[in-house]
Structures are given as C-alpha cells and as structure tokens.
C-alpha cells in the first residue's frame, strides 16, 4: 500500500488510538468487551483509510464516519457518567472531531 493520503491520516490515526485504548482497557481490567470494541472500531477506521488510499474516498469517508458515530455513541455517555478524561473523555472528543471531519469529507465526495 502506498503512503497514506492527507485525508486518510485521520482514519488511520483514529484506528491506532482505538486499538491502543481497547488494549489498555484489557490490560487494566481484563475487559474483553473493551478490547473487542476498540479493535472493532479500529478495524472500521482502518478499512475506511484503506478505501480512501485505494481511490475510493466515496466509500472510505462514510465508513470512517460510521466508526466515529459509533465511538461517540459509546464513549460520550460513559464520560458523562464517570467524568474520567481517559479513556472516555479523550475518545469522545476525538470521535466528535472525527464526526465533523468525516462528515464534511463524506458530503464533499457524495455531492
């Protein structure tokens, strides 16, 4: 695969962040749910980044947008409940920023 294009960096960065957060959740509390969710959302982001790099941004950005919405949907309520910055707060904010970015890119490519 070639080097990531500018717009795929956000998807690949989020994939790495979600993978690390899921692994951290597993390492800290042996939570297989955290590991599965982190790796699952990371896989969606990775697939989106791959599609963007493969010349299919019309597929990749919506896929990364779905991953971002799922991340915010999972982490924002957890942050509101626990008020803990890591991982819930950081992941909710990162997901929300990516909703804005991927939503804009999706709109650009689908219009």
C-alpha atoms as a PDB file:
ATOM      1  CA  UNK A   1       0.000   0.000   0.000  1.00  0.00           C
ATOM      2  CA  UNK A   2       1.224   3.482  -0.753  1.00  0.00           C
ATOM      3  CA  UNK A   3       1.783   6.115   1.887  1.00  0.00           C
ATOM      4  CA  UNK A   4      -1.477   7.435   3.344  1.00  0.00           C
ATOM      5  CA  UNK A   5      -3.017  10.397   1.589  1.00  0.00           C
ATOM      6  CA  UNK A   6      -3.876  13.528   3.533  1.00  0.00           C
ATOM      7  CA  UNK A   7      -7.473  12.628   4.166  1.00  0.00           C
ATOM      8  CA  UNK A   8      -6.730   9.044   5.218  1.00  0.00           C
ATOM      9  CA  UNK A   9      -4.448  10.139   8.055  1.00  0.00           C
ATOM     10  CA  UNK A  10      -7.426  10.926  10.291  1.00  0.00           C
ATOM     11  CA  UNK A  11      -8.856   7.431   9.807  1.00  0.00           C
ATOM     12  CA  UNK A  12      -5.538   5.668  10.418  1.00  0.00           C
ATOM     13  CA  UNK A  13      -4.764   7.828  13.461  1.00  0.00           C
ATOM     14  CA  UNK A  14      -8.147   7.012  14.964  1.00  0.00           C
ATOM     15  CA  UNK A  15      -7.623   3.313  14.201  1.00  0.00           C
ATOM     16  CA  UNK A  16      -4.383   3.385  16.188  1.00  0.00           C
ATOM     17  CA  UNK A  17      -5.949   5.361  19.041  1.00  0.00           C
ATOM     18  CA  UNK A  18      -8.927   2.999  19.307  1.00  0.00           C
ATOM     19  CA  UNK A  19      -6.682  -0.054  19.198  1.00  0.00           C
ATOM     20  CA  UNK A  20      -4.460   1.329  21.959  1.00  0.00           C
ATOM     21  CA  UNK A  21      -7.456   2.320  24.090  1.00  0.00           C
ATOM     22  CA  UNK A  22      -9.029  -1.131  23.713  1.00  0.00           C
ATOM     23  CA  UNK A  23      -5.758  -2.844  24.593  1.00  0.00           C
ATOM     24  CA  UNK A  24      -5.306  -0.522  27.581  1.00  0.00           C
ATOM     25  CA  UNK A  25      -8.789  -1.373  28.813  1.00  0.00           C
ATOM     26  CA  UNK A  26      -7.988  -5.052  28.568  1.00  0.00           C
ATOM     27  CA  UNK A  27      -4.592  -4.675  30.256  1.00  0.00           C
ATOM     28  CA  UNK A  28      -6.009  -2.626  33.114  1.00  0.00           C
ATOM     29  CA  UNK A  29      -9.165  -4.539  33.943  1.00  0.00           C
ATOM     30  CA  UNK A  30      -9.125  -7.670  31.753  1.00  0.00           C
ATOM     31  CA  UNK A  31     -12.156  -6.272  29.924  1.00  0.00           C
ATOM     32  CA  UNK A  32     -12.620  -8.318  26.785  1.00  0.00           C
ATOM     33  CA  UNK A  33     -15.505  -6.006  25.861  1.00  0.00           C
ATOM     34  CA  UNK A  34     -13.118  -3.031  25.771  1.00  0.00           C
ATOM     35  CA  UNK A  35     -10.655  -4.982  23.663  1.00  0.00           C
ATOM     36  CA  UNK A  36     -13.316  -6.191  21.224  1.00  0.00           C
ATOM     37  CA  UNK A  37     -14.933  -2.758  20.889  1.00  0.00           C
ATOM     38  CA  UNK A  38     -11.594  -0.983  20.488  1.00  0.00           C
ATOM     39  CA  UNK A  39     -10.347  -3.413  17.872  1.00  0.00           C
ATOM     40  CA  UNK A  40     -13.713  -3.489  16.088  1.00  0.00           C
ATOM     41  CA  UNK A  41     -13.904   0.278  15.727  1.00  0.00           C
ATOM     42  CA  UNK A  42     -10.202   0.350  14.818  1.00  0.00           C
ATOM     43  CA  UNK A  43     -10.963  -2.136  12.036  1.00  0.00           C
ATOM     44  CA  UNK A  44     -13.717   0.130  10.671  1.00  0.00           C
ATOM     45  CA  UNK A  45     -11.363   3.110  10.690  1.00  0.00           C
ATOM     46  CA  UNK A  46      -8.618   1.053   9.038  1.00  0.00           C
ATOM     47  CA  UNK A  47     -10.989  -0.142   6.332  1.00  0.00           C
ATOM     48  CA  UNK A  48     -12.061   3.447   5.717  1.00  0.00           C
ATOM     49  CA  UNK A  49      -8.459   4.636   5.487  1.00  0.00           C
ATOM     50  CA  UNK A  50      -7.621   1.786   3.132  1.00  0.00           C
ATOM     51  CA  UNK A  51     -10.549   2.664   0.868  1.00  0.00           C
ATOM     52  CA  UNK A  52      -9.500   6.319   0.812  1.00  0.00           C
ATOM     53  CA  UNK A  53      -5.945   5.342  -0.153  1.00  0.00           C
ATOM     54  CA  UNK A  54      -7.268   2.964  -2.807  1.00  0.00           C
ATOM     55  CA  UNK A  55      -9.010   5.775  -4.649  1.00  0.00           C
ATOM     56  CA  UNK A  56     -12.443   5.152  -3.125  1.00  0.00           C
ATOM     57  CA  UNK A  57     -12.952   8.131  -0.803  1.00  0.00           C
ATOM     58  CA  UNK A  58     -16.683   7.919  -1.555  1.00  0.00           C
ATOM     59  CA  UNK A  59     -16.635   4.601   0.357  1.00  0.00           C
ATOM     60  CA  UNK A  60     -13.850   5.289   2.860  1.00  0.00           C
ATOM     61  CA  UNK A  61     -15.111   8.524   4.367  1.00  0.00           C
ATOM     62  CA  UNK A  62     -18.636   7.228   5.072  1.00  0.00           C
ATOM     63  CA  UNK A  63     -17.114   4.119   6.661  1.00  0.00           C
ATOM     64  CA  UNK A  64     -14.903   6.248   8.910  1.00  0.00           C
ATOM     65  CA  UNK A  65     -17.941   8.420   9.678  1.00  0.00           C
ATOM     66  CA  UNK A  66     -19.883   5.358  10.880  1.00  0.00           C
ATOM     67  CA  UNK A  67     -16.925   4.390  13.086  1.00  0.00           C
ATOM     68  CA  UNK A  68     -16.818   7.921  14.516  1.00  0.00           C
ATOM     69  CA  UNK A  69     -20.528   7.964  15.289  1.00  0.00           C
ATOM     70  CA  UNK A  70     -20.247   4.568  16.986  1.00  0.00           C
ATOM     71  CA  UNK A  71     -17.291   5.796  19.040  1.00  0.00           C
ATOM     72  CA  UNK A  72     -19.100   8.917  20.220  1.00  0.00           C
ATOM     73  CA  UNK A  73     -22.226   6.891  20.929  1.00  0.00           C
ATOM     74  CA  UNK A  74     -20.265   4.544  23.155  1.00  0.00           C
ATOM     75  CA  UNK A  75     -17.880   6.949  24.882  1.00  0.00           C
ATOM     76  CA  UNK A  76     -19.875  10.156  25.430  1.00  0.00           C
ATOM     77  CA  UNK A  77     -22.384   8.524  27.820  1.00  0.00           C
ATOM     78  CA  UNK A  78     -19.517   6.804  29.628  1.00  0.00           C
ATOM     79  CA  UNK A  79     -17.730  10.141  30.060  1.00  0.00           C
ATOM     80  CA  UNK A  80     -20.896  11.828  31.331  1.00  0.00           C
ATOM     81  CA  UNK A  81     -21.299   9.037  33.873  1.00  0.00           C
ATOM     82  CA  UNK A  82     -17.697   8.743  35.097  1.00  0.00           C
ATOM     83  CA  UNK A  83     -16.204  12.187  34.288  1.00  0.00           C
ATOM     84  CA  UNK A  84     -12.895  10.398  33.609  1.00  0.00           C
ATOM     85  CA  UNK A  85     -10.711  12.030  30.960  1.00  0.00           C
ATOM     86  CA  UNK A  86      -9.060   8.765  29.886  1.00  0.00           C
ATOM     87  CA  UNK A  87     -10.291   6.906  28.046  1.00  0.00           C
ATOM     88  CA  UNK A  88     -13.878   8.110  27.865  1.00  0.00           C
ATOM     89  CA  UNK A  89     -13.315  11.866  27.580  1.00  0.00           C
ATOM     90  CA  UNK A  90     -10.424  11.693  25.136  1.00  0.00           C
ATOM     91  CA  UNK A  91     -12.146   9.135  22.938  1.00  0.00           C
ATOM     92  CA  UNK A  92     -15.467  11.008  22.952  1.00  0.00           C
ATOM     93  CA  UNK A  93     -13.791  14.275  21.922  1.00  0.00           C
ATOM     94  CA  UNK A  94     -11.619  12.590  19.292  1.00  0.00           C
ATOM     95  CA  UNK A  95     -14.679  10.802  17.929  1.00  0.00           C
ATOM     96  CA  UNK A  96     -16.714  14.022  17.837  1.00  0.00           C
ATOM     97  CA  UNK A  97     -13.953  15.842  15.960  1.00  0.00           C
ATOM     98  CA  UNK A  98     -13.831  12.983  13.508  1.00  0.00           C
ATOM     99  CA  UNK A  99     -17.603  13.066  13.059  1.00  0.00           C
ATOM    100  CA  UNK A 100     -17.202  16.670  11.920  1.00  0.00           C
ATOM    101  CA  UNK A 101     -14.234  15.920   9.648  1.00  0.00           C
ATOM    102  CA  UNK A 102     -15.509  12.680   8.131  1.00  0.00           C
ATOM    103  CA  UNK A 103     -18.991  14.154   7.755  1.00  0.00           C
ATOM    104  CA  UNK A 104     -17.576  17.068   5.791  1.00  0.00           C
ATOM    105  CA  UNK A 105     -15.443  14.791   3.610  1.00  0.00           C
ATOM    106  CA  UNK A 106     -18.386  12.435   3.031  1.00  0.00           C
ATOM    107  CA  UNK A 107     -20.515  15.366   1.954  1.00  0.00           C
ATOM    108  CA  UNK A 108     -17.767  16.557  -0.430  1.00  0.00           C
ATOM    109  CA  UNK A 109     -17.395  13.152  -2.094  1.00  0.00           C
ATOM    110  CA  UNK A 110     -21.066  12.256  -2.286  1.00  0.00           C
ATOM    111  CA  UNK A 111     -22.361  15.565  -3.609  1.00  0.00           C
END
